[in-house]
Amino acid sequence: MTPCLIESVGDGDDVYVTTSPDRSASRNTSRSTPDHTTLIDDRPGPVTTVVLADDHRLVRSAVRTVLETEGGIEVIAEAADAGETLRKVRAHKPDVLVLDLNMPGESGLEAIPRVVEASPCTAVVVLTIEGDPAFAHAALRCGACAFVLKEAADAELIDAVQAAANGHGYLHPELGARIAAEPSPEYGPPDGLTERQLEVLELLVLGYTNSQIADKLGISERTVESHRSHIQYKVGQKSRAELVAYARDHRIVDY
């Protein structure tokens, strides 16, 4: 049977018609045989399911629009904090979780290992405003496979979700370049704390509030809260008294 292209329809799928090379032979058979067979495959491709976690409803709405405008991606649930995120992931077992790092209560960074444990088939894509390479390092160490900045969300987020769903990693290009350019020191701060985290920790144990730390370091209070969550996660200490003891033991403060 020789295929003959006659037209292109729908979303670009081609319709082929095959004709018998010997039509007279076909007519002489004892049973009726069709003169042609039309081969059409209009079945939809696989859909990538996504749970979207961000504490801002408007952000979730915008991100949902970006994702679902791209064919083959469906947002099946949304969450506004880490606890709700974990529940939604357990219930739906999505292909991909798109996760903000800065949410009320437990941070997104702390939630990543719990998500990976609860649903190993779910790939975690971090979507954040935090452009410090330290956050990318921390997220990837915790089990995320992609890291995207909100300022470059559109096509880049779609690329990251598609890569993650196919078992590949993705890193914001500018962050990747900065990380590649970083020297590899022979030694560094304890437990992988960044220089900024050390600054925040020192001010915390000296009694500064989150607001005062933000003013002193010239960063937002929300960023301070995020640093504090990451510090607590890295060093395994939660209370201020435990952080003071940790800082003293590691000579981060001298009293």
Protein backbone atom coordinates (compact mmCIF):
# COMPACT_ATOMS: atom_id res chain seq x y z
CA MET A 1 0.00 0.00 0.00
CA THR A 2 1.47 3.35 -1.00
CA PRO A 3 0.64 6.36 1.22
CA CYS A 4 -0.51 9.51 -0.52
CA LEU A 5 -0.66 12.81 1.41
CA ILE A 6 -3.85 14.66 0.58
CA GLU A 7 -4.21 17.39 3.22
CA SER A 8 -3.18 18.71 6.64
CA VAL A 9 -5.89 19.20 9.25
CA GLY A 10 -6.42 20.24 12.90
CA ASP A 11 -3.24 20.97 14.80
CA GLY A 12 -0.95 19.84 12.01
CA ASP A 13 -1.71 16.06 11.99
CA ASP A 14 -1.42 14.74 8.46
CA VAL A 15 -4.20 12.64 6.87
CA TYR A 16 -2.94 9.86 4.63
CA VAL A 17 -4.89 7.84 2.01
CA THR A 18 -3.47 4.55 0.74
CA THR A 19 -4.67 3.06 -2.55
CA SER A 20 -4.40 -0.46 -3.88
CA PRO A 21 -1.83 -0.79 -6.71
CA ASP A 22 -4.13 -3.29 -8.51
CA ARG A 23 -7.77 -2.18 -8.27
CA SER A 24 -9.01 -4.72 -10.83
CA ALA A 25 -7.60 -7.61 -8.81
CA SER A 26 -9.44 -6.27 -5.81
CA ARG A 27 -12.77 -6.29 -7.66
CA ASN A 28 -12.31 -9.91 -8.78
CA THR A 29 -12.10 -11.33 -5.26
CA SER A 30 -15.05 -13.23 -3.82
CA ARG A 31 -15.59 -10.74 -0.99
CA SER A 32 -15.78 -6.97 -1.07
CA THR A 33 -12.51 -5.17 -0.17
CA PRO A 34 -12.37 -1.38 0.40
CA ASP A 35 -10.52 0.50 -2.28
CA HIS A 36 -8.78 2.71 0.30
CA THR A 37 -7.99 2.98 3.99
CA THR A 38 -7.80 6.33 5.82
CA LEU A 39 -5.25 6.50 8.64
CA ILE A 40 -6.08 9.24 11.15
CA ASP A 41 -4.70 9.48 14.71
CA ASP A 42 -6.30 12.34 16.58
CA ARG A 43 -5.71 10.98 20.08
CA PRO A 44 -4.46 13.67 22.49
CA GLY A 45 -0.93 13.41 23.86
CA PRO A 46 -0.13 12.75 27.52
CA VAL A 47 -1.06 15.48 30.02
CA THR A 48 1.41 16.64 32.68
CA THR A 49 -0.44 17.11 35.97
CA VAL A 50 0.65 19.94 38.28
CA VAL A 51 -0.05 20.99 41.87
CA LEU A 52 0.63 24.72 42.33
CA ALA A 53 1.74 26.01 45.76
CA ASP A 54 2.00 29.74 46.50
CA ASP A 55 0.47 31.76 49.33
CA HIS A 56 -0.71 34.55 46.98
CA ARG A 57 -3.96 33.75 45.17
CA LEU A 58 -3.27 36.22 42.36
CA VAL A 59 0.15 34.70 41.74
CA ARG A 60 -1.40 31.23 41.59
CA SER A 61 -3.99 32.48 39.12
CA ALA A 62 -1.34 34.03 36.87
CA VAL A 63 0.89 30.97 36.99
CA ARG A 64 -2.06 28.67 36.28
CA THR A 65 -2.87 30.75 33.19
CA VAL A 66 0.73 30.53 31.97
CA LEU A 67 0.85 26.76 32.43
CA GLU A 68 -2.55 25.88 31.04
CA THR A 69 -2.11 28.09 27.97
CA GLU A 70 0.52 25.56 26.99
CA GLY A 71 -1.15 22.41 25.70
CA GLY A 72 -0.49 19.26 27.66
CA ILE A 73 -0.22 20.82 31.15
CA GLU A 74 -3.09 20.73 33.66
CA VAL A 75 -3.12 22.30 37.14
CA ILE A 76 -5.16 19.81 39.18
CA ALA A 77 -4.87 21.44 42.64
CA GLU A 78 -3.59 24.55 44.43
CA ALA A 79 -2.19 25.11 47.92
CA ALA A 80 -1.40 28.20 50.01
CA ASP A 81 1.01 26.80 52.63
CA ALA A 82 3.37 23.88 53.19
CA GLY A 83 0.88 21.75 55.12
CA GLU A 84 -1.79 22.08 52.44
CA THR A 85 0.83 21.43 49.77
CA LEU A 86 1.77 18.11 51.34
CA ARG A 87 -1.89 17.07 51.63
CA LYS A 88 -2.61 17.94 48.00
CA VAL A 89 0.49 16.10 46.76
CA ARG A 90 -0.41 13.00 48.75
CA ALA A 91 -3.98 13.08 47.44
CA HIS A 92 -3.23 13.73 43.76
CA LYS A 93 0.30 12.36 43.19
CA PRO A 94 0.97 14.96 40.44
CA ASP A 95 3.74 14.70 37.90
CA VAL A 96 5.09 18.09 39.02
CA LEU A 97 4.81 20.35 42.06
CA VAL A 98 5.45 24.05 41.36
CA LEU A 99 6.48 25.42 44.76
CA ASP A 100 7.18 28.87 46.18
CA LEU A 101 9.89 28.97 48.87
CA ASN A 102 8.38 31.76 50.97
CA MET A 103 5.08 30.66 52.49
CA PRO A 104 3.51 31.07 55.94
CA GLY A 105 4.66 28.64 58.61
CA GLU A 106 6.99 25.96 57.32
CA SER A 107 9.05 27.20 54.38
CA GLY A 108 8.93 25.63 50.95
CA LEU A 109 12.53 24.52 51.45
CA GLU A 110 11.57 22.51 54.52
CA ALA A 111 8.61 21.02 52.67
CA ILE A 112 10.62 19.66 49.73
CA PRO A 113 12.03 16.53 51.46
CA ARG A 114 8.58 15.69 52.86
CA VAL A 115 7.02 16.04 49.40
CA VAL A 116 9.69 13.82 47.84
CA GLU A 117 9.14 11.20 50.54
CA ALA A 118 5.33 11.32 50.25
CA SER A 119 5.28 11.14 46.44
CA PRO A 120 8.58 10.01 44.87
CA CYS A 121 7.02 10.23 41.40
CA THR A 122 6.45 14.00 41.82
CA ALA A 123 9.17 16.31 40.51
CA VAL A 124 9.60 19.58 42.43
CA VAL A 125 10.01 22.84 40.49
CA VAL A 126 10.83 25.81 42.72
CA LEU A 127 9.36 29.13 41.55
CA THR A 128 10.66 32.00 43.69
CA ILE A 129 11.74 35.63 43.88
CA GLU A 130 14.95 34.57 45.65
CA GLY A 131 17.79 35.11 43.19
CA ASP A 132 20.64 34.26 45.58
CA PRO A 133 22.47 31.12 44.31
CA ALA A 134 22.47 29.88 47.91
CA PHE A 135 18.72 29.31 47.67
CA ALA A 136 19.15 27.30 44.48
CA HIS A 137 21.89 25.22 46.12
CA ALA A 138 19.70 24.56 49.15
CA ALA A 139 16.59 23.69 47.11
CA LEU A 140 18.48 21.25 44.88
CA ARG A 141 20.14 19.62 47.89
CA CYS A 142 16.69 19.15 49.47
CA GLY A 143 15.39 17.31 46.42
CA ALA A 144 14.08 19.90 43.94
CA CYS A 145 14.98 19.26 40.31
CA ALA A 146 14.33 22.73 38.89
CA PHE A 147 14.74 26.32 40.06
CA VAL A 148 13.01 29.22 38.27
CA LEU A 149 12.79 32.91 39.17
CA LYS A 150 9.37 34.56 39.09
CA GLU A 151 10.73 37.46 37.11
CA ALA A 152 11.30 35.11 34.17
CA ALA A 153 8.34 32.80 34.65
CA ASP A 154 6.55 32.52 31.28
CA ALA A 155 8.32 30.30 28.75
CA GLU A 156 11.04 29.44 31.23
CA LEU A 157 8.56 27.97 33.70
CA ILE A 158 6.95 25.88 30.97
CA ASP A 159 10.40 24.61 29.93
CA ALA A 160 11.19 23.75 33.57
CA VAL A 161 7.90 21.90 34.12
CA GLN A 162 8.30 19.92 30.91
CA ALA A 163 11.91 19.07 31.73
CA ALA A 164 11.00 18.00 35.28
CA ALA A 165 8.10 15.84 34.04
CA ASN A 166 10.57 14.05 31.75
CA GLY A 167 13.07 13.40 34.53
CA HIS A 168 15.47 16.24 33.72
CA GLY A 169 16.75 19.16 35.78
CA TYR A 170 16.43 22.86 35.04
CA LEU A 171 18.19 25.89 36.48
CA HIS A 172 17.56 29.56 35.72
CA PRO A 173 20.33 30.39 33.19
CA GLU A 174 21.68 33.43 35.02
CA LEU A 175 21.84 31.52 38.30
CA GLY A 176 23.53 28.61 36.57
CA ALA A 177 26.20 30.93 35.21
CA ARG A 178 26.77 32.51 38.63
CA ILE A 179 27.01 29.11 40.32
CA ALA A 180 29.46 27.86 37.69
CA ALA A 181 31.63 30.92 38.26
CA GLU A 182 31.76 30.46 42.03
CA PRO A 183 35.11 29.28 43.39
CA SER A 184 35.23 25.99 45.24
CA PRO A 185 36.65 26.87 48.65
CA GLU A 186 38.69 24.34 50.58
CA TYR A 187 36.59 25.05 53.64
CA GLY A 188 33.49 27.01 54.46
CA PRO A 189 30.94 27.89 57.11
CA PRO A 190 29.48 25.08 59.23
CA ASP A 191 26.57 23.04 57.81
CA GLY A 192 26.74 24.85 54.49
CA LEU A 193 25.49 28.17 55.87
CA THR A 194 25.96 31.05 53.45
CA GLU A 195 27.63 34.31 54.44
CA ARG A 196 24.24 36.02 54.50
CA GLN A 197 22.80 33.27 56.69
CA LEU A 198 25.72 33.66 59.08
CA GLU A 199 24.95 37.39 59.29
CA VAL A 200 21.29 36.69 60.01
CA LEU A 201 22.15 34.02 62.58
CA GLU A 202 24.57 36.31 64.40
CA LEU A 203 21.95 39.06 64.64
CA LEU A 204 19.29 36.58 65.75
CA VAL A 205 21.34 35.29 68.65
CA LEU A 206 22.22 38.87 69.61
CA GLY A 207 18.51 39.49 70.11
CA TYR A 208 17.55 41.43 67.01
CA THR A 209 13.99 41.00 65.71
CA ASN A 210 13.26 40.04 62.10
CA SER A 211 12.27 43.65 61.38
CA GLN A 212 15.48 45.01 62.89
CA ILE A 213 17.59 42.50 60.95
CA ALA A 214 15.85 43.50 57.74
CA ASP A 215 16.61 47.18 58.38
CA LYS A 216 20.21 46.47 59.33
CA LEU A 217 20.99 44.27 56.31
CA GLY A 218 18.88 46.22 53.81
CA ILE A 219 16.65 43.28 52.89
CA SER A 220 12.93 42.57 53.28
CA GLU A 221 11.50 41.12 56.48
CA ARG A 222 10.13 38.23 54.44
CA THR A 223 13.61 37.43 53.18
CA VAL A 224 14.84 37.42 56.77
CA GLU A 225 12.09 34.94 57.67
CA SER A 226 13.14 32.76 54.76
CA HIS A 227 16.80 32.87 55.81
CA ARG A 228 15.80 32.00 59.36
CA SER A 229 13.81 28.96 58.21
CA HIS A 230 16.73 27.77 56.09
CA ILE A 231 19.17 28.25 58.98
CA GLN A 232 16.94 26.25 61.32
CA TYR A 233 16.62 23.49 58.73
CA LYS A 234 20.35 23.30 58.00
CA VAL A 235 21.55 23.27 61.62
CA GLY A 236 18.66 21.19 62.98
CA GLN A 237 17.82 23.72 65.71
CA LYS A 238 14.51 25.53 66.15
CA SER A 239 14.42 27.70 69.27
CA ARG A 240 16.44 30.85 69.86
CA ALA A 241 18.19 29.17 72.83
CA GLU A 242 19.29 26.29 70.58
CA LEU A 243 20.52 28.72 67.93
CA VAL A 244 22.48 30.65 70.58
CA ALA A 245 24.14 27.43 71.74
CA TYR A 246 24.90 26.44 68.15
CA ALA A 247 26.41 29.84 67.37
CA ARG A 248 28.55 29.68 70.50
CA ASP A 249 29.74 26.12 69.80
CA HIS A 250 30.75 27.05 66.26
CA ARG A 251 32.37 30.37 67.30
CA ILE A 252 29.90 32.39 65.25
CA VAL A 253 29.50 34.65 68.29
CA ASP A 254 32.05 35.13 71.06
CA TYR A 255 29.90 35.19 74.20
